[in-house]
Protein backbone atom coordinates (compact mmCIF):
# COMPACT_ATOMS: atom_id res chain seq x y z
CA MET A 1 -156.06 -6.00 102.99
CA GLU A 2 -158.26 -6.88 100.06
CA THR A 3 -161.80 -5.60 99.99
CA HIS A 4 -164.73 -7.29 98.33
CA GLN A 5 -164.35 -5.03 95.30
CA ASP A 6 -160.62 -5.77 94.92
CA THR A 7 -161.06 -9.55 94.63
CA ASP A 8 -161.14 -11.36 91.37
CA PRO A 9 -164.73 -12.19 90.32
CA GLN A 10 -163.81 -15.85 89.95
CA ASP A 11 -162.34 -15.90 93.44
CA GLN A 12 -165.50 -14.33 94.80
CA ARG A 13 -167.68 -16.85 92.99
CA LEU A 14 -165.55 -19.67 94.36
CA THR A 15 -165.83 -18.27 97.88
CA ASP A 16 -169.61 -17.91 97.50
CA LEU A 17 -169.87 -21.51 96.29
CA GLU A 18 -167.80 -22.75 99.23
CA ILE A 19 -170.09 -20.92 101.63
CA LYS A 20 -173.17 -22.39 99.97
CA LEU A 21 -171.60 -25.85 100.09
CA SER A 22 -170.91 -25.45 103.79
CA TYR A 23 -174.54 -24.49 104.47
CA THR A 24 -175.75 -27.36 102.29
CA GLU A 25 -173.58 -29.89 104.13
CA HIS A 26 -174.91 -28.61 107.47
CA LEU A 27 -178.50 -28.87 106.25
CA LEU A 28 -177.87 -32.38 104.96
CA GLU A 29 -176.53 -33.45 108.37
CA GLN A 30 -179.62 -32.03 110.07
CA LEU A 31 -181.94 -33.79 107.64
CA ASP A 32 -180.05 -37.05 108.13
CA GLN A 33 -180.62 -36.77 111.89
CA VAL A 34 -184.34 -36.20 111.28
CA VAL A 35 -184.53 -39.28 109.04
CA VAL A 36 -182.74 -41.43 111.64
CA ARG A 37 -185.09 -40.21 114.40
CA GLN A 38 -188.17 -40.84 112.24
CA GLN A 39 -186.96 -44.34 111.37
CA GLN A 40 -186.53 -45.10 115.07
CA GLN A 41 -190.10 -43.91 115.69
CA ILE A 42 -191.40 -46.01 112.79
CA ASP A 43 -189.58 -49.09 114.11
CA LEU A 44 -191.09 -48.53 117.55
CA LEU A 45 -194.59 -48.15 116.10
CA VAL A 46 -194.23 -51.28 113.97
CA ARG A 47 -193.21 -53.27 117.06
CA GLU A 48 -196.15 -51.83 119.01
CA ILE A 49 -198.60 -52.74 116.22
CA ALA A 50 -197.19 -56.27 116.09
CA ARG A 51 -197.56 -56.55 119.87
CA LEU A 52 -201.16 -55.35 119.73
CA GLN A 53 -202.00 -57.82 116.97
CA GLN A 54 -200.75 -60.82 118.96
CA PRO A 55 -203.38 -62.94 120.70
CA SER A 56 -203.95 -61.79 124.23
CA THR A 57 -202.65 -63.86 127.14
CA ASP A 58 -204.31 -61.77 129.86
CA GLY A 59 -207.38 -63.95 130.28
CA GLY A 60 -209.29 -62.57 127.34
CA LEU A 61 -209.45 -58.94 128.45
CA GLY A 62 -208.04 -57.79 125.14
CA ALA A 63 -209.82 -60.43 123.04
CA PRO A 64 -212.49 -59.32 120.61
CA ARG A 65 -215.98 -59.61 122.01
CA SER A 66 -219.39 -59.72 120.39
CA LEU A 67 -221.76 -56.75 120.47
CA ARG A 68 -224.07 -58.82 122.69
CA ASP A 69 -221.35 -58.70 125.38
CA GLU A 70 -221.43 -54.91 125.17
CA LEU A 71 -225.13 -54.62 126.12
CA PRO A 72 -225.92 -53.34 129.60
CA PRO A 73 -227.25 -55.98 132.01
CA HIS A 74 -230.88 -54.77 131.89
CA TYR A 75 -231.32 -55.85 128.23
């Protein structure tokens, strides 16, 4: 069996590069999953903002009101 010292330096460098490539590919897959998840969250937030910006159909409960409407009844 070959030990680490018995291997050709080029073979060892190639093996090291293959290991690094494997780790890099794994990291890239993880980052890709993060980007996909973040894009889904962004899409959801954009839809929610669009929904909130639509005119209200609930009888005006969500409609903008004047500051005079905010005053307590005793004023």
